[in-house]
Amino acid sequence: MPKFNFTVPHQLSAEDAKSRLERLADSFKAKYKDNLGDLQQGWEGDRLSFGFKTFGIKVSGKIDVADDAIAVEGDLPFSAMMFKGKIESEMRQQLERLLK
């Protein structure tokens, strides 16, 4: 299964970053309401696990929160390889906005 990973730096405390990430689902729903379904998220310590479906493609992953950055990694089905760059780019943009 193809993977994606990237880091988004921030200037928040880990707790403030986690608080903002609580709104991650709402942020994605607002922007992609017609193309997003089965959105799930849950915390285990400083790790947010997430999953969603877009255009029939299931995306899942985790976000590890630290004091200066978040590390995002996830899995895509092989059928989504041609959309990997777009999915990763959109996620990065939304997370950068959320953590400003």
C-alpha atoms as a PDB file:
ATOM      1  CA  MET A   1       0.000   0.000   0.000  1.00  0.00           C
ATOM      2  CA  PRO A   2       1.455   3.407  -0.941  1.00  0.00           C
ATOM      3  CA  LYS A   3       2.360   5.728   1.902  1.00  0.00           C
ATOM      4  CA  PHE A   4       2.530   9.463   2.299  1.00  0.00           C
ATOM      5  CA  ASN A   5       4.326  11.479   4.949  1.00  0.00           C
ATOM      6  CA  PHE A   6       5.197  15.079   5.589  1.00  0.00           C
ATOM      7  CA  THR A   7       5.905  17.474   8.447  1.00  0.00           C
ATOM      8  CA  VAL A   8       4.197  20.774   9.188  1.00  0.00           C
ATOM      9  CA  PRO A   9       6.153  23.097  11.488  1.00  0.00           C
ATOM     10  CA  HIS A  10       4.260  25.324  13.915  1.00  0.00           C
ATOM     11  CA  GLN A  11       4.982  27.774  16.701  1.00  0.00           C
ATOM     12  CA  LEU A  12       2.405  26.478  19.171  1.00  0.00           C
ATOM     13  CA  SER A  13       2.756  24.330  22.242  1.00  0.00           C
ATOM     14  CA  ALA A  14       1.882  20.682  21.696  1.00  0.00           C
ATOM     15  CA  GLU A  15      -1.316  21.214  23.714  1.00  0.00           C
ATOM     16  CA  ASP A  16      -2.373  24.197  21.579  1.00  0.00           C
ATOM     17  CA  ALA A  17      -1.633  22.239  18.402  1.00  0.00           C
ATOM     18  CA  LYS A  18      -3.726  19.328  19.699  1.00  0.00           C
ATOM     19  CA  SER A  19      -6.551  21.700  20.531  1.00  0.00           C
ATOM     20  CA  ARG A  20      -6.552  23.064  16.985  1.00  0.00           C
ATOM     21  CA  LEU A  21      -6.347  19.583  15.502  1.00  0.00           C
ATOM     22  CA  GLU A  22      -9.597  18.791  17.339  1.00  0.00           C
ATOM     23  CA  ARG A  23     -11.183  20.957  14.642  1.00  0.00           C
ATOM     24  CA  LEU A  24      -9.539  19.010  11.810  1.00  0.00           C
ATOM     25  CA  ALA A  25     -12.678  17.079  10.927  1.00  0.00           C
ATOM     26  CA  ASP A  26     -14.780  20.256  10.872  1.00  0.00           C
ATOM     27  CA  SER A  27     -12.209  21.988   8.676  1.00  0.00           C
ATOM     28  CA  PHE A  28     -12.215  19.171   6.117  1.00  0.00           C
ATOM     29  CA  LYS A  29     -16.009  18.862   6.193  1.00  0.00           C
ATOM     30  CA  ALA A  30     -16.448  22.581   5.557  1.00  0.00           C
ATOM     31  CA  LYS A  31     -14.112  22.683   2.563  1.00  0.00           C
ATOM     32  CA  TYR A  32     -14.882  19.309   0.988  1.00  0.00           C
ATOM     33  CA  LYS A  33     -18.454  18.655   2.139  1.00  0.00           C
ATOM     34  CA  ASP A  34     -19.609  17.218  -1.190  1.00  0.00           C
ATOM     35  CA  ASN A  35     -16.566  14.986  -1.688  1.00  0.00           C
ATOM     36  CA  LEU A  36     -15.814  13.685   1.799  1.00  0.00           C
ATOM     37  CA  GLY A  37     -17.368  10.885   3.800  1.00  0.00           C
ATOM     38  CA  ASP A  38     -16.770   8.397   6.599  1.00  0.00           C
ATOM     39  CA  LEU A  39     -14.629  10.932   8.463  1.00  0.00           C
ATOM     40  CA  GLN A  40     -13.189   9.533  11.692  1.00  0.00           C
ATOM     41  CA  GLN A  41     -10.629  10.757  14.191  1.00  0.00           C
ATOM     42  CA  GLY A  42      -9.481   9.692  17.637  1.00  0.00           C
ATOM     43  CA  TRP A  43      -6.687  10.546  20.050  1.00  0.00           C
ATOM     44  CA  GLU A  44      -4.244   8.237  21.798  1.00  0.00           C
ATOM     45  CA  GLY A  45      -1.817  10.404  23.753  1.00  0.00           C
ATOM     46  CA  ASP A  46      -0.168  12.836  21.328  1.00  0.00           C
ATOM     47  CA  ARG A  47      -1.243  10.847  18.255  1.00  0.00           C
ATOM     48  CA  LEU A  48      -4.367  11.608  16.248  1.00  0.00           C
ATOM     49  CA  SER A  49      -5.564   8.740  14.083  1.00  0.00           C
ATOM     50  CA  PHE A  50      -7.804   9.694  11.191  1.00  0.00           C
ATOM     51  CA  GLY A  51      -9.616   8.242   8.239  1.00  0.00           C
ATOM     52  CA  PHE A  52     -11.895   9.460   5.482  1.00  0.00           C
ATOM     53  CA  LYS A  53     -13.175   8.560   2.063  1.00  0.00           C
ATOM     54  CA  THR A  54     -12.995  10.908  -0.921  1.00  0.00           C
ATOM     55  CA  PHE A  55     -14.143  10.054  -4.427  1.00  0.00           C
ATOM     56  CA  GLY A  56     -14.394   6.426  -3.317  1.00  0.00           C
ATOM     57  CA  ILE A  57     -10.788   6.387  -2.076  1.00  0.00           C
ATOM     58  CA  LYS A  58     -10.153   5.428   1.544  1.00  0.00           C
ATOM     59  CA  VAL A  59      -7.384   7.455   3.194  1.00  0.00           C
ATOM     60  CA  SER A  60      -6.116   6.698   6.703  1.00  0.00           C
ATOM     61  CA  GLY A  61      -3.227   7.846   8.799  1.00  0.00           C
ATOM     62  CA  LYS A  62      -1.928   9.438  11.952  1.00  0.00           C
ATOM     63  CA  ILE A  63      -0.613  12.781  13.095  1.00  0.00           C
ATOM     64  CA  ASP A  64       2.034  12.887  15.814  1.00  0.00           C
ATOM     65  CA  VAL A  65       2.100  16.202  17.688  1.00  0.00           C
ATOM     66  CA  ALA A  66       5.268  17.801  19.091  1.00  0.00           C
ATOM     67  CA  ASP A  67       6.034  21.293  20.409  1.00  0.00           C
ATOM     68  CA  ASP A  68       7.423  22.548  17.101  1.00  0.00           C
ATOM     69  CA  ALA A  69       5.820  20.425  14.369  1.00  0.00           C
ATOM     70  CA  ILE A  70       3.338  17.754  13.488  1.00  0.00           C
ATOM     71  CA  ALA A  71       4.358  14.635  11.580  1.00  0.00           C
ATOM     72  CA  VAL A  72       1.718  13.214   9.267  1.00  0.00           C
ATOM     73  CA  GLU A  73       1.831   9.763   7.737  1.00  0.00           C
ATOM     74  CA  GLY A  74      -0.762   7.597   6.132  1.00  0.00           C
ATOM     75  CA  ASP A  75      -1.792   4.974   3.646  1.00  0.00           C
ATOM     76  CA  LEU A  76      -3.501   5.166   0.282  1.00  0.00           C
ATOM     77  CA  PRO A  77      -4.856   2.316  -1.811  1.00  0.00           C
ATOM     78  CA  PHE A  78      -2.913   1.553  -5.007  1.00  0.00           C
ATOM     79  CA  SER A  79      -5.845   2.895  -7.020  1.00  0.00           C
ATOM     80  CA  ALA A  80      -5.124   6.355  -5.565  1.00  0.00           C
ATOM     81  CA  MET A  81      -1.455   6.574  -6.580  1.00  0.00           C
ATOM     82  CA  MET A  82      -2.134   9.112  -9.318  1.00  0.00           C
ATOM     83  CA  PHE A  83      -3.882  11.351  -6.742  1.00  0.00           C
ATOM     84  CA  LYS A  84      -1.216  11.021  -4.024  1.00  0.00           C
ATOM     85  CA  GLY A  85       0.318  14.444  -4.692  1.00  0.00           C
ATOM     86  CA  LYS A  86      -3.049  16.197  -4.719  1.00  0.00           C
ATOM     87  CA  ILE A  87      -4.273  14.499  -1.528  1.00  0.00           C
ATOM     88  CA  GLU A  88      -1.012  15.209   0.282  1.00  0.00           C
ATOM     89  CA  SER A  89      -0.938  18.829  -0.918  1.00  0.00           C
ATOM     90  CA  GLU A  90      -4.532  19.514   0.156  1.00  0.00           C
ATOM     91  CA  MET A  91      -3.953  17.951   3.563  1.00  0.00           C
ATOM     92  CA  ARG A  92      -0.763  19.960   4.082  1.00  0.00           C
ATOM     93  CA  GLN A  93      -2.501  23.232   3.140  1.00  0.00           C
ATOM     94  CA  GLN A  94      -5.408  22.613   5.496  1.00  0.00           C
ATOM     95  CA  LEU A  95      -3.091  21.691   8.363  1.00  0.00           C
ATOM     96  CA  GLU A  96      -0.847  24.728   7.773  1.00  0.00           C
ATOM     97  CA  ARG A  97      -3.911  26.995   7.931  1.00  0.00           C
ATOM     98  CA  LEU A  98      -5.195  25.275  11.046  1.00  0.00           C
ATOM     99  CA  LEU A  99      -1.885  25.667  12.891  1.00  0.00           C
ATOM    100  CA  LYS A 100      -1.243  29.350  12.060  1.00  0.00           C
END
